[in-house]
Amino acid sequence: MNRYNVSLSSLRQNRMRNTLTSFFWSGDAIRSRRVSDIVLSGTLDLPAPSAAVLADWQREIDVRLALEPGDVEVMPLARTQMRWPDYKRCVQATSEWTGTLGLPALIADCDMALMGCRGARYHHDGEQYGGNAFCNLFLTEDKGLDLHFPLTGQRIPIKRGTAVIFDPVQPHGVIQRSSDSFSAAEFAPGQDFAQIFLTWELPIEDANIASALKIAFDVAPSTSLQLENEQVWSNGSPAAVCPESGRLLRVD
């Protein structure tokens, strides 16, 4: 049986004309790079979480985290590892998948976390994770949500086994499959829209990661010397992201 189906999406012909630059910490210095519009995606054959694990996740989301629509928060990984022995199969499947992409054994050396969300407002992670790519593995069933990259038009349907590697500085959100924007009103109380996923932080300067995402480095060296923190610029000036539409906003 084919355990996964690998696809590579890079919809450059449909993207808006925005040149995004990430300024990120590299050792003790700020370095610049282009923001990738490539999303590597696949569907892995994962075991279903047990009823007890699902119930534990739901309690965590409802009681301790009290997740509101659009929130993305850290979940207790150690508790899931203890209560769900098949968790190791999910990690192994991800390692095998990344190996098929020319990224052998990479996740074994990377920071990992368990995350939960009820949709996700559009955002970029360039003020904290400009030096990383993300590898996400979704563990819960299809609830009619997509991982959406508004500037490129890419949409990845989320279901159990959906795996993605992408540049987290590229604006993204998790929205209803029938929508083209994020609206909290579409995540009504009492409806289960929670998604749980594992995430790994991959070093963007790793030669294999940089090659897979076609990252160009040191594209604005003079500007890098003037900055003291991580930032995202669009067409030569600092930029933010509208949390509802995903449009870029100029930062004065």
Protein backbone atom coordinates (compact mmCIF):
# COMPACT_ATOMS: atom_id res chain seq x y z
CA MET A 1 0.00 0.00 0.00
CA ASN A 2 1.26 3.48 -0.82
CA ARG A 3 1.65 5.12 2.59
CA TYR A 4 1.80 8.66 1.34
CA ASN A 5 1.18 10.79 -1.69
CA VAL A 6 3.72 13.57 -2.17
CA SER A 7 2.81 16.75 -4.02
CA LEU A 8 4.74 19.97 -4.66
CA SER A 9 2.82 23.21 -5.09
CA SER A 10 4.32 26.51 -6.20
CA LEU A 11 1.65 28.59 -7.90
CA ARG A 12 3.82 31.43 -9.04
CA GLN A 13 1.63 32.19 -12.04
CA ASN A 14 -1.25 33.21 -9.73
CA ARG A 15 0.58 35.04 -6.98
CA MET A 16 0.27 38.72 -6.23
CA ARG A 17 3.31 40.79 -7.11
CA ASN A 18 4.82 41.00 -3.64
CA THR A 19 8.51 40.52 -2.97
CA LEU A 20 8.80 39.44 0.66
CA THR A 21 12.11 39.60 2.51
CA SER A 22 12.77 38.02 5.88
CA PHE A 23 15.40 39.54 8.16
CA PHE A 24 16.35 36.89 10.71
CA TRP A 25 18.95 36.10 13.33
CA SER A 26 21.84 33.99 12.06
CA GLY A 27 24.16 33.51 15.00
CA ASP A 28 24.86 37.00 16.33
CA ALA A 29 23.91 38.87 13.16
CA ILE A 30 20.77 39.71 11.21
CA ARG A 31 20.74 38.08 7.78
CA SER A 32 18.31 38.60 4.88
CA ARG A 33 16.55 36.10 2.64
CA ARG A 34 13.70 35.80 0.19
CA VAL A 35 10.46 34.32 1.53
CA SER A 36 9.60 31.07 -0.25
CA ASP A 37 6.20 30.45 -1.89
CA ILE A 38 6.81 26.70 -2.09
CA VAL A 39 4.66 24.34 -0.03
CA LEU A 40 5.64 20.68 0.16
CA SER A 41 2.64 18.56 1.07
CA GLY A 42 1.72 14.91 1.45
CA THR A 43 -0.87 12.63 3.00
CA LEU A 44 0.60 10.11 5.45
CA ASP A 45 -0.98 6.89 6.68
CA LEU A 46 -1.44 7.60 10.39
CA PRO A 47 -3.15 5.69 13.19
CA ALA A 48 -6.26 7.33 14.60
CA PRO A 49 -5.88 8.73 18.13
CA SER A 50 -7.71 6.74 20.78
CA ALA A 51 -10.97 8.00 22.27
CA ALA A 52 -9.15 8.72 25.54
CA VAL A 53 -6.52 10.86 23.78
CA LEU A 54 -9.18 12.75 21.81
CA ALA A 55 -11.10 13.42 25.03
CA ASP A 56 -7.94 14.66 26.73
CA TRP A 57 -7.22 17.04 23.84
CA GLN A 58 -10.79 18.35 23.94
CA ARG A 59 -10.60 19.03 27.70
CA GLU A 60 -7.31 20.85 27.23
CA ILE A 61 -8.76 23.03 24.46
CA ASP A 62 -12.05 23.77 26.23
CA VAL A 63 -10.96 24.10 29.86
CA ARG A 64 -7.31 25.10 30.22
CA LEU A 65 -6.64 26.87 26.93
CA ALA A 66 -10.22 28.08 26.28
CA LEU A 67 -9.28 28.41 22.61
CA GLU A 68 -11.10 31.19 20.80
CA PRO A 69 -11.59 31.15 17.01
CA GLY A 70 -8.28 31.93 15.35
CA ASP A 71 -6.11 30.97 18.34
CA VAL A 72 -3.09 28.67 17.99
CA GLU A 73 -1.62 27.40 21.26
CA VAL A 74 0.85 24.84 22.60
CA MET A 75 -0.61 21.56 23.86
CA PRO A 76 0.94 19.20 26.49
CA LEU A 77 3.15 16.94 24.35
CA ALA A 78 4.49 14.77 27.18
CA ARG A 79 0.97 13.74 28.23
CA THR A 80 0.10 12.73 24.66
CA GLN A 81 3.34 10.75 24.34
CA MET A 82 2.51 8.86 27.53
CA ARG A 83 -1.15 8.15 26.69
CA TRP A 84 -0.83 7.40 22.98
CA PRO A 85 1.81 4.75 22.15
CA ASP A 86 1.02 5.08 18.42
CA TYR A 87 2.39 8.61 18.57
CA LYS A 88 5.78 7.11 17.64
CA ARG A 89 4.30 5.82 14.38
CA CYS A 90 3.33 9.38 13.45
CA VAL A 91 6.89 10.59 14.00
CA GLN A 92 8.28 7.66 12.01
CA ALA A 93 5.91 8.30 9.10
CA THR A 94 6.97 11.94 9.04
CA SER A 95 10.64 10.99 9.06
CA GLU A 96 10.12 8.60 6.15
CA TRP A 97 8.20 11.26 4.21
CA THR A 98 10.83 13.92 4.68
CA GLY A 99 13.38 11.37 3.53
CA THR A 100 11.57 11.05 0.20
CA LEU A 101 11.98 14.82 -0.20
CA GLY A 102 15.74 14.65 0.21
CA LEU A 103 15.60 15.68 3.88
CA PRO A 104 16.77 12.46 5.56
CA ALA A 105 16.57 12.19 9.36
CA LEU A 106 16.16 15.95 9.66
CA ILE A 107 13.29 16.07 12.15
CA ALA A 108 15.16 13.89 14.65
CA ASP A 109 17.44 16.82 15.43
CA CYS A 110 14.76 19.56 15.44
CA ASP A 111 12.58 21.07 18.14
CA MET A 112 9.08 19.58 18.17
CA ALA A 113 5.83 20.70 19.78
CA LEU A 114 2.17 19.65 19.90
CA MET A 115 -0.19 22.45 18.90
CA GLY A 116 -3.93 23.05 18.87
CA CYS A 117 -6.01 25.58 16.94
CA ARG A 118 -9.59 26.56 16.15
CA GLY A 119 -8.81 27.91 12.74
CA ALA A 120 -5.98 30.42 12.58
CA ARG A 121 -6.05 34.13 11.79
CA TYR A 122 -3.79 35.11 8.91
CA HIS A 123 -0.29 35.87 10.14
CA HIS A 124 3.37 35.49 9.40
CA ASP A 125 5.92 34.14 11.87
CA GLY A 126 8.77 36.31 10.67
CA GLU A 127 9.27 38.18 13.93
CA GLN A 128 10.26 34.95 15.73
CA TYR A 129 10.83 32.16 13.21
CA GLY A 130 12.56 33.81 10.25
CA GLY A 131 15.40 31.33 10.66
CA ASN A 132 13.12 28.30 10.37
CA ALA A 133 10.88 26.34 8.07
CA PHE A 134 7.93 24.52 9.62
CA CYS A 135 7.02 20.86 9.19
CA ASN A 136 3.44 20.27 10.41
CA LEU A 137 1.63 16.94 10.75
CA PHE A 138 -2.12 17.09 11.41
CA LEU A 139 -3.49 14.36 13.70
CA THR A 140 -7.26 14.94 13.72
CA GLU A 141 -9.98 14.26 11.17
CA ASP A 142 -11.19 16.44 8.30
CA LYS A 143 -13.38 19.22 9.74
CA GLY A 144 -13.77 21.24 6.56
CA LEU A 145 -10.73 23.48 7.09
CA ASP A 146 -7.85 24.43 4.80
CA LEU A 147 -4.36 25.74 5.40
CA HIS A 148 -4.47 28.82 3.16
CA PHE A 149 -1.65 30.98 1.78
CA PRO A 150 -3.49 34.10 0.60
CA LEU A 151 -0.69 35.73 -1.39
CA THR A 152 -0.12 32.65 -3.56
CA GLY A 153 -3.61 31.11 -3.56
CA GLN A 154 -2.39 27.74 -2.28
CA ARG A 155 -4.86 25.74 -0.19
CA ILE A 156 -4.06 22.48 1.59
CA PRO A 157 -7.11 20.55 2.86
CA ILE A 158 -6.51 19.50 6.47
CA LYS A 159 -7.26 15.96 7.55
CA ARG A 160 -5.59 13.24 9.58
CA GLY A 161 -2.22 12.59 7.93
CA THR A 162 -1.86 15.94 6.15
CA ALA A 163 1.84 16.86 6.24
CA VAL A 164 3.29 20.17 5.08
CA ILE A 165 6.68 21.85 4.96
CA PHE A 166 6.57 25.58 4.29
CA ASP A 167 8.19 28.92 4.98
CA PRO A 168 6.36 30.32 8.03
CA VAL A 169 7.16 33.88 6.98
CA GLN A 170 4.81 33.40 3.99
CA PRO A 171 1.43 34.69 5.29
CA HIS A 172 -0.91 31.83 6.14
CA GLY A 173 -4.03 30.94 8.10
CA VAL A 174 -6.51 28.13 8.69
CA ILE A 175 -9.96 28.92 7.31
CA GLN A 176 -13.23 27.28 6.32
CA ARG A 177 -12.95 25.38 3.04
CA SER A 178 -15.88 27.35 1.64
CA SER A 179 -14.29 30.72 2.49
CA ASP A 180 -11.58 32.97 1.10
CA SER A 181 -10.95 34.83 4.36
CA PHE A 182 -10.87 34.28 8.10
CA SER A 183 -14.01 35.09 10.06
CA ALA A 184 -14.45 34.23 13.74
CA ALA A 185 -18.21 34.03 13.14
CA GLU A 186 -17.65 30.89 11.04
CA PHE A 187 -16.31 29.06 14.12
CA ALA A 188 -19.48 29.01 16.18
CA PRO A 189 -19.42 27.88 19.84
CA GLY A 190 -20.44 24.27 20.32
CA GLN A 191 -19.05 23.11 16.96
CA ASP A 192 -15.86 21.08 16.84
CA PHE A 193 -13.36 22.84 14.61
CA ALA A 194 -10.29 22.02 16.71
CA GLN A 195 -7.23 20.71 14.88
CA ILE A 196 -4.26 19.14 16.66
CA PHE A 197 -0.89 18.91 14.96
CA LEU A 198 2.76 18.17 15.58
CA THR A 199 5.20 20.79 14.39
CA TRP A 200 8.96 20.73 13.88
CA GLU A 201 11.20 23.79 13.49
CA LEU A 202 13.60 23.12 10.61
CA PRO A 203 16.72 25.30 10.20
CA ILE A 204 16.22 27.41 7.08
CA GLU A 205 19.99 27.68 6.57
CA ASP A 206 20.33 23.91 6.27
CA ALA A 207 21.47 23.31 2.69
CA ASN A 208 18.78 20.69 2.01
CA ILE A 209 15.96 22.83 3.40
CA ALA A 210 17.16 25.90 1.53
CA SER A 211 17.34 23.91 -1.68
CA ALA A 212 13.89 22.32 -1.24
CA LEU A 213 12.26 25.72 -0.64
CA LYS A 214 14.53 27.54 -3.13
CA ILE A 215 15.65 30.13 -0.58
CA ALA A 216 17.91 32.95 -1.78
CA PHE A 217 20.04 34.43 1.02
CA ASP A 218 21.65 37.83 1.60
CA VAL A 219 19.30 39.65 -0.74
CA ALA A 220 19.43 42.91 1.28
CA PRO A 221 22.77 42.96 3.11
CA SER A 222 22.93 46.71 3.67
CA THR A 223 19.49 46.76 5.32
CA SER A 224 20.43 43.78 7.49
CA LEU A 225 23.25 45.79 9.05
CA GLN A 226 20.80 48.47 10.18
CA LEU A 227 18.29 46.18 11.95
CA GLU A 228 18.29 44.96 15.55
CA ASN A 229 15.42 42.47 15.42
CA GLU A 230 13.70 40.05 13.07
CA GLN A 231 11.33 41.67 10.58
CA VAL A 232 9.42 41.07 7.36
CA TRP A 233 9.54 43.59 4.52
CA SER A 234 7.45 43.81 1.37
CA ASN A 235 8.85 45.61 -1.63
CA GLY A 236 11.37 47.49 0.46
CA SER A 237 9.44 48.44 3.61
CA PRO A 238 8.22 46.70 6.80
CA ALA A 239 4.95 44.81 6.44
CA ALA A 240 2.27 43.18 8.58
CA VAL A 241 -0.66 40.93 7.65
CA CYS A 242 -4.39 41.66 7.94
CA PRO A 243 -5.68 38.85 10.20
CA GLU A 244 -9.02 38.58 8.35
CA SER A 245 -8.11 38.99 4.67
CA GLY A 246 -4.46 38.00 4.64
CA ARG A 247 -3.52 41.16 2.73
CA LEU A 248 -0.19 42.79 3.41
CA LEU A 249 -0.28 46.01 5.42
CA ARG A 250 2.40 48.68 5.40
CA VAL A 251 4.01 49.33 8.79
CA ASP A 252 4.92 52.98 9.34
